[in-house]
Amino acid sequence: MTTVAMGAGMLPNALGMGADPSFRQPMAIVVIGGLLTSTVLSLLVVPVVFTYVDDLLQWVRRCFFCLERKVESTEVV
């Protein structure tokens, strides 16, 4: 919601409407691009990376537990 509001507020500047568009237009375009990029990163990329890292940690724990179990079974008491 914040991204949409900020993007809508910067859109007239990005389109060159208003007084002296040559001064504000590049900044408005960069701000809109940054907002879109950060939204995509926070909503799509970060959860996907978290899922992959979590799966990797679970796999490592399973492998470590299996190795630990094998070492305990081979020890003579």
Protein backbone atom coordinates (compact mmCIF):
# COMPACT_ATOMS: atom_id res chain seq x y z
CA MET A 1 0.00 0.00 0.00
CA THR A 2 2.84 2.37 0.81
CA THR A 3 4.60 1.52 -2.44
CA VAL A 4 1.47 2.22 -4.46
CA ALA A 5 0.89 5.55 -2.67
CA MET A 6 4.48 6.67 -3.10
CA GLY A 7 4.56 5.56 -6.73
CA ALA A 8 1.31 7.38 -7.46
CA GLY A 9 2.67 10.50 -5.79
CA MET A 10 5.88 10.43 -7.83
CA LEU A 11 4.21 9.54 -11.14
CA PRO A 12 3.42 13.14 -12.19
CA ASN A 13 7.04 14.11 -11.58
CA ALA A 14 8.29 11.06 -13.49
CA LEU A 15 6.06 11.94 -16.44
CA GLY A 16 7.43 15.48 -16.49
CA MET A 17 4.30 17.30 -15.36
CA GLY A 18 4.60 20.41 -13.23
CA ALA A 19 7.19 23.14 -12.92
CA ASP A 20 10.76 22.44 -14.08
CA PRO A 21 10.49 18.70 -14.86
CA SER A 22 14.15 18.43 -15.88
CA PHE A 23 15.20 18.85 -12.24
CA ARG A 24 12.78 16.42 -10.55
CA GLN A 25 12.10 13.83 -13.25
CA PRO A 26 15.29 11.73 -12.86
CA MET A 27 14.85 11.54 -9.08
CA ALA A 28 11.20 10.49 -9.43
CA ILE A 29 12.13 7.72 -11.87
CA VAL A 30 14.84 6.44 -9.54
CA VAL A 31 12.51 6.52 -6.53
CA ILE A 32 9.78 4.59 -8.38
CA GLY A 33 12.33 2.03 -9.60
CA GLY A 34 13.72 1.62 -6.10
CA LEU A 35 10.27 1.13 -4.63
CA LEU A 36 9.37 -1.51 -7.21
CA THR A 37 12.70 -3.29 -6.78
CA SER A 38 12.48 -3.36 -2.99
CA THR A 39 8.88 -4.58 -3.13
CA VAL A 40 9.78 -7.44 -5.46
CA LEU A 41 12.79 -8.36 -3.33
CA SER A 42 10.90 -8.33 -0.07
CA LEU A 43 7.82 -10.17 -1.33
CA LEU A 44 9.35 -12.73 -3.69
CA VAL A 45 13.10 -13.14 -3.42
CA VAL A 46 13.57 -13.11 0.37
CA PRO A 47 10.92 -15.80 1.09
CA VAL A 48 12.32 -18.05 -1.66
CA VAL A 49 15.89 -17.71 -0.35
CA PHE A 50 14.64 -18.35 3.20
CA THR A 51 12.89 -21.52 2.04
CA TYR A 52 16.05 -22.81 0.32
CA VAL A 53 18.23 -22.04 3.34
CA ASP A 54 15.72 -23.70 5.68
CA ASP A 55 15.61 -26.81 3.48
CA LEU A 56 19.41 -26.90 3.44
CA LEU A 57 19.59 -26.66 7.23
CA GLN A 58 17.06 -29.47 7.64
CA TRP A 59 19.08 -31.64 5.23
CA VAL A 60 22.29 -30.93 7.16
CA ARG A 61 20.60 -31.78 10.45
CA ARG A 62 19.28 -35.05 9.00
CA CYS A 63 22.72 -35.98 7.67
CA PHE A 64 24.38 -35.10 10.97
CA PHE A 65 21.79 -37.11 12.91
CA CYS A 66 22.34 -40.11 10.61
CA LEU A 67 26.11 -39.87 11.04
CA GLU A 68 25.72 -39.56 14.79
CA ARG A 69 23.47 -42.61 14.87
CA LYS A 70 25.98 -44.64 12.79
CA VAL A 71 28.85 -43.70 15.11
CA GLU A 72 26.83 -44.72 18.18
CA SER A 73 25.87 -48.07 16.63
CA THR A 74 29.48 -48.94 15.75
CA GLU A 75 30.87 -48.20 19.22
CA VAL A 76 31.39 -51.20 21.44
CA VAL A 77 30.22 -50.74 25.00
